[in-house]
Amino acid sequence: MRRTVEHRARRACPDCGWIAFGNAKPCVGVLIERAGLLLLVRRERAPFKGYWDIPGGFLEEDEHPRTGAAREAREETGLRIAVDELLGVYHDRSGDTYTLNLYYRAHVLGGRERAGDDADELRWFGRHELPTRIAFPGHARGVLRDWLDVRAR
């Protein structure tokens, strides 16, 4: 059943009246930079299999976003990073899931480059070489645009 709460139709339990508030899932991404180049990963599975992506993923419930960004970078690229600054916050939808995406700029501290987790390839791209097949274009294109703007300053 649905019930209007705070001017929105919300799912509610017909027996007890409990209201299910829908919230965007928190995600983190990291723009790893080296000598003016940006590291992207190619996705090996759906959604967007074969598309280039910014390393990142869902934030764990007990995890600080900076910690989550470093974890995701390690899982997908094999690299240990230092998070430098928050680039921005972006809202999107993937299927039936709304996401709230925090993107950080970072640099490499160490580790060995290797595609991992849901990636099958890594590649460093210059600002004029960014691929057109970008995963999650609803927000990722804005992230890359903002990264380019910051790099141009």
C-alpha atoms as a PDB file:
ATOM      1  CA  MET A   1       0.000   0.000   0.000  1.00  0.00           C
ATOM      2  CA  ARG A   2       1.091   3.589  -0.499  1.00  0.00           C
ATOM      3  CA  ARG A   3       0.582   6.498   1.840  1.00  0.00           C
ATOM      4  CA  THR A   4       1.298  10.206   1.411  1.00  0.00           C
ATOM      5  CA  VAL A   5       3.953  11.363   3.872  1.00  0.00           C
ATOM      6  CA  GLU A   6       5.776  14.695   3.601  1.00  0.00           C
ATOM      7  CA  HIS A   7       4.031  15.353   0.264  1.00  0.00           C
ATOM      8  CA  ARG A   8       5.313  12.118  -1.290  1.00  0.00           C
ATOM      9  CA  ALA A   9       3.717   8.765  -1.945  1.00  0.00           C
ATOM     10  CA  ARG A  10       5.613   6.246   0.195  1.00  0.00           C
ATOM     11  CA  ARG A  11       5.340   2.491   0.584  1.00  0.00           C
ATOM     12  CA  ALA A  12       3.692   1.584   3.867  1.00  0.00           C
ATOM     13  CA  CYS A  13       2.758  -1.641   5.621  1.00  0.00           C
ATOM     14  CA  PRO A  14      -1.045  -2.051   5.586  1.00  0.00           C
ATOM     15  CA  ASP A  15      -0.952  -3.887   8.947  1.00  0.00           C
ATOM     16  CA  CYS A  16       1.345  -1.798  11.157  1.00  0.00           C
ATOM     17  CA  GLY A  17       1.678   1.446   9.154  1.00  0.00           C
ATOM     18  CA  TRP A  18       5.503   1.265   9.006  1.00  0.00           C
ATOM     19  CA  ILE A  19       6.700   3.614   6.256  1.00  0.00           C
ATOM     20  CA  ALA A  20       9.514   2.637   3.894  1.00  0.00           C
ATOM     21  CA  PHE A  21      11.471   5.783   3.119  1.00  0.00           C
ATOM     22  CA  GLY A  22      13.419   5.327  -0.105  1.00  0.00           C
ATOM     23  CA  ASN A  23      16.941   6.673   0.097  1.00  0.00           C
ATOM     24  CA  ALA A  24      19.756   6.881  -2.398  1.00  0.00           C
ATOM     25  CA  LYS A  25      22.557   4.363  -1.776  1.00  0.00           C
ATOM     26  CA  PRO A  26      25.891   6.006  -0.962  1.00  0.00           C
ATOM     27  CA  CYS A  27      28.705   5.293  -3.427  1.00  0.00           C
ATOM     28  CA  VAL A  28      32.291   6.464  -3.711  1.00  0.00           C
ATOM     29  CA  GLY A  29      34.593   6.886  -6.660  1.00  0.00           C
ATOM     30  CA  VAL A  30      38.189   7.931  -7.017  1.00  0.00           C
ATOM     31  CA  LEU A  31      39.961   9.801  -9.795  1.00  0.00           C
ATOM     32  CA  ILE A  32      43.492   8.447  -9.480  1.00  0.00           C
ATOM     33  CA  GLU A  33      46.005  10.791 -11.083  1.00  0.00           C
ATOM     34  CA  ARG A  34      49.622  10.359 -12.122  1.00  0.00           C
ATOM     35  CA  ALA A  35      51.625  12.875 -14.154  1.00  0.00           C
ATOM     36  CA  GLY A  36      48.460  14.478 -15.522  1.00  0.00           C
ATOM     37  CA  LEU A  37      46.928  11.119 -16.494  1.00  0.00           C
ATOM     38  CA  LEU A  38      43.749   9.545 -15.128  1.00  0.00           C
ATOM     39  CA  LEU A  39      43.377   5.829 -14.362  1.00  0.00           C
ATOM     40  CA  LEU A  40      40.162   4.182 -15.565  1.00  0.00           C
ATOM     41  CA  VAL A  41      39.044   0.566 -15.350  1.00  0.00           C
ATOM     42  CA  ARG A  42      37.156  -1.401 -17.990  1.00  0.00           C
ATOM     43  CA  ARG A  43      34.135  -3.199 -16.559  1.00  0.00           C
ATOM     44  CA  GLU A  44      34.035  -6.963 -17.051  1.00  0.00           C
ATOM     45  CA  ARG A  45      30.380  -7.409 -16.149  1.00  0.00           C
ATOM     46  CA  ALA A  46      26.970  -5.766 -16.396  1.00  0.00           C
ATOM     47  CA  PRO A  47      25.890  -3.142 -16.088  1.00  0.00           C
ATOM     48  CA  PHE A  48      28.022  -1.455 -18.738  1.00  0.00           C
ATOM     49  CA  LYS A  49      30.226  -4.462 -19.503  1.00  0.00           C
ATOM     50  CA  GLY A  50      33.149  -3.355 -21.711  1.00  0.00           C
ATOM     51  CA  TYR A  51      32.733   0.333 -20.842  1.00  0.00           C
ATOM     52  CA  TRP A  52      35.384   2.407 -19.088  1.00  0.00           C
ATOM     53  CA  ASP A  53      34.635   3.399 -15.516  1.00  0.00           C
ATOM     54  CA  ILE A  54      36.023   5.462 -12.688  1.00  0.00           C
ATOM     55  CA  PRO A  55      37.124   3.082  -9.905  1.00  0.00           C
ATOM     56  CA  GLY A  56      34.507   2.992  -7.172  1.00  0.00           C
ATOM     57  CA  GLY A  57      31.470   1.292  -5.749  1.00  0.00           C
ATOM     58  CA  PHE A  58      29.006   1.103  -2.891  1.00  0.00           C
ATOM     59  CA  LEU A  59      30.025   2.406   0.503  1.00  0.00           C
ATOM     60  CA  GLU A  60      29.830  -0.033   3.425  1.00  0.00           C
ATOM     61  CA  GLU A  61      27.454   1.035   6.201  1.00  0.00           C
ATOM     62  CA  ASP A  62      30.231   1.573   8.784  1.00  0.00           C
ATOM     63  CA  GLU A  63      32.776   3.070   6.377  1.00  0.00           C
ATOM     64  CA  HIS A  64      33.909   6.667   6.007  1.00  0.00           C
ATOM     65  CA  PRO A  65      33.706   7.759   2.340  1.00  0.00           C
ATOM     66  CA  ARG A  66      37.476   8.434   2.125  1.00  0.00           C
ATOM     67  CA  THR A  67      38.191   4.955   3.490  1.00  0.00           C
ATOM     68  CA  GLY A  68      35.687   3.455   1.038  1.00  0.00           C
ATOM     69  CA  ALA A  69      37.330   5.269  -1.872  1.00  0.00           C
ATOM     70  CA  ALA A  70      40.747   3.870  -0.901  1.00  0.00           C
ATOM     71  CA  ARG A  71      39.275   0.360  -0.482  1.00  0.00           C
ATOM     72  CA  GLU A  72      37.552   0.459  -3.862  1.00  0.00           C
ATOM     73  CA  ALA A  73      40.745   1.706  -5.539  1.00  0.00           C
ATOM     74  CA  ARG A  74      42.720  -1.166  -4.003  1.00  0.00           C
ATOM     75  CA  GLU A  75      40.099  -3.779  -4.980  1.00  0.00           C
ATOM     76  CA  GLU A  76      39.761  -2.604  -8.582  1.00  0.00           C
ATOM     77  CA  THR A  77      43.307  -1.455  -9.395  1.00  0.00           C
ATOM     78  CA  GLY A  78      45.692  -3.095  -6.896  1.00  0.00           C
ATOM     79  CA  LEU A  79      46.990   0.356  -5.941  1.00  0.00           C
ATOM     80  CA  ARG A  80      47.298   1.996  -2.550  1.00  0.00           C
ATOM     81  CA  ILE A  81      46.232   5.619  -2.830  1.00  0.00           C
ATOM     82  CA  ALA A  82      46.173   8.823  -0.837  1.00  0.00           C
ATOM     83  CA  VAL A  83      42.884  10.682  -1.106  1.00  0.00           C
ATOM     84  CA  ASP A  84      43.624  14.334  -1.842  1.00  0.00           C
ATOM     85  CA  GLU A  85      40.273  16.130  -1.961  1.00  0.00           C
ATOM     86  CA  LEU A  86      36.576  15.783  -2.640  1.00  0.00           C
ATOM     87  CA  LEU A  87      35.841  16.616  -6.274  1.00  0.00           C
ATOM     88  CA  GLY A  88      32.062  16.631  -5.909  1.00  0.00           C
ATOM     89  CA  VAL A  89      28.802  14.872  -5.085  1.00  0.00           C
ATOM     90  CA  TYR A  90      26.585  13.519  -7.878  1.00  0.00           C
ATOM     91  CA  HIS A  91      23.113  11.964  -7.885  1.00  0.00           C
ATOM     92  CA  ASP A  92      22.133   9.235 -10.353  1.00  0.00           C
ATOM     93  CA  ARG A  93      19.961   6.212 -10.929  1.00  0.00           C
ATOM     94  CA  SER A  94      21.109   2.738 -11.899  1.00  0.00           C
ATOM     95  CA  GLY A  95      18.149   0.525 -12.723  1.00  0.00           C
ATOM     96  CA  ASP A  96      15.783   0.781  -9.759  1.00  0.00           C
ATOM     97  CA  THR A  97      18.482   2.102  -7.414  1.00  0.00           C
ATOM     98  CA  TYR A  98      19.161   5.765  -6.834  1.00  0.00           C
ATOM     99  CA  THR A  99      22.755   6.536  -5.875  1.00  0.00           C
ATOM    100  CA  LEU A 100      24.485   9.424  -4.131  1.00  0.00           C
ATOM    101  CA  ASN A 101      28.057   9.401  -5.452  1.00  0.00           C
ATOM    102  CA  LEU A 102      31.015  11.083  -3.749  1.00  0.00           C
ATOM    103  CA  TYR A 103      34.075  11.426  -5.981  1.00  0.00           C
ATOM    104  CA  TYR A 104      37.580  12.116  -4.723  1.00  0.00           C
ATOM    105  CA  ARG A 105      40.836  13.039  -6.410  1.00  0.00           C
ATOM    106  CA  ALA A 106      43.779  10.886  -5.332  1.00  0.00           C
ATOM    107  CA  HIS A 107      47.353   9.912  -6.121  1.00  0.00           C
ATOM    108  CA  VAL A 108      49.230   6.614  -5.987  1.00  0.00           C
ATOM    109  CA  LEU A 109      51.277   5.654  -2.933  1.00  0.00           C
ATOM    110  CA  GLY A 110      52.225   2.128  -3.993  1.00  0.00           C
ATOM    111  CA  GLY A 111      50.945  -1.284  -4.890  1.00  0.00           C
ATOM    112  CA  ARG A 112      51.023  -3.148  -8.175  1.00  0.00           C
ATOM    113  CA  GLU A 113      48.648  -2.241 -10.997  1.00  0.00           C
ATOM    114  CA  ARG A 114      46.270  -5.072 -11.757  1.00  0.00           C
ATOM    115  CA  ALA A 115      42.655  -5.228 -12.843  1.00  0.00           C
ATOM    116  CA  GLY A 116      40.592  -6.714 -10.061  1.00  0.00           C
ATOM    117  CA  ASP A 117      37.107  -7.067  -8.606  1.00  0.00           C
ATOM    118  CA  ASP A 118      34.782  -6.316 -11.560  1.00  0.00           C
ATOM    119  CA  ALA A 119      37.428  -4.844 -13.909  1.00  0.00           C
ATOM    120  CA  ASP A 120      39.315  -6.646 -16.680  1.00  0.00           C
ATOM    121  CA  GLU A 121      41.685  -3.871 -17.781  1.00  0.00           C
ATOM    122  CA  LEU A 122      43.315  -0.695 -16.472  1.00  0.00           C
ATOM    123  CA  ARG A 123      44.516   2.194 -18.574  1.00  0.00           C
ATOM    124  CA  TRP A 124      45.932   5.663 -17.966  1.00  0.00           C
ATOM    125  CA  PHE A 125      44.282   8.368 -20.096  1.00  0.00           C
ATOM    126  CA  GLY A 126      45.373  11.912 -20.884  1.00  0.00           C
ATOM    127  CA  ARG A 127      42.817  14.713 -20.730  1.00  0.00           C
ATOM    128  CA  HIS A 128      42.371  14.628 -24.523  1.00  0.00           C
ATOM    129  CA  GLU A 129      42.235  10.823 -24.719  1.00  0.00           C
ATOM    130  CA  LEU A 130      39.279  10.069 -22.440  1.00  0.00           C
ATOM    131  CA  PRO A 131      37.066   7.323 -23.904  1.00  0.00           C
ATOM    132  CA  THR A 132      33.526   7.998 -25.078  1.00  0.00           C
ATOM    133  CA  ARG A 133      32.143   4.682 -23.789  1.00  0.00           C
ATOM    134  CA  ILE A 134      31.829   5.672 -20.128  1.00  0.00           C
ATOM    135  CA  ALA A 135      29.886   3.575 -17.606  1.00  0.00           C
ATOM    136  CA  PHE A 136      27.122   5.281 -15.633  1.00  0.00           C
ATOM    137  CA  PRO A 137      27.013   8.296 -17.971  1.00  0.00           C
ATOM    138  CA  GLY A 138      24.174   9.918 -16.012  1.00  0.00           C
ATOM    139  CA  HIS A 139      26.718  11.220 -13.534  1.00  0.00           C
ATOM    140  CA  ALA A 140      30.161  10.029 -14.721  1.00  0.00           C
ATOM    141  CA  ARG A 141      30.268  12.461 -17.652  1.00  0.00           C
ATOM    142  CA  GLY A 142      29.757  15.326 -15.172  1.00  0.00           C
ATOM    143  CA  VAL A 143      32.483  13.921 -12.915  1.00  0.00           C
ATOM    144  CA  LEU A 144      34.957  13.798 -15.810  1.00  0.00           C
ATOM    145  CA  ARG A 145      33.941  17.297 -16.936  1.00  0.00           C
ATOM    146  CA  ASP A 146      34.550  18.605 -13.417  1.00  0.00           C
ATOM    147  CA  TRP A 147      37.899  16.790 -13.249  1.00  0.00           C
ATOM    148  CA  LEU A 148      38.936  18.406 -16.536  1.00  0.00           C
ATOM    149  CA  ASP A 149      37.880  21.826 -15.223  1.00  0.00           C
ATOM    150  CA  VAL A 150      39.944  21.392 -12.048  1.00  0.00           C
ATOM    151  CA  ARG A 151      42.948  20.188 -14.077  1.00  0.00           C
ATOM    152  CA  ALA A 152      42.704  23.257 -16.358  1.00  0.00           C
ATOM    153  CA  ARG A 153      43.095  25.705 -13.442  1.00  0.00           C
END
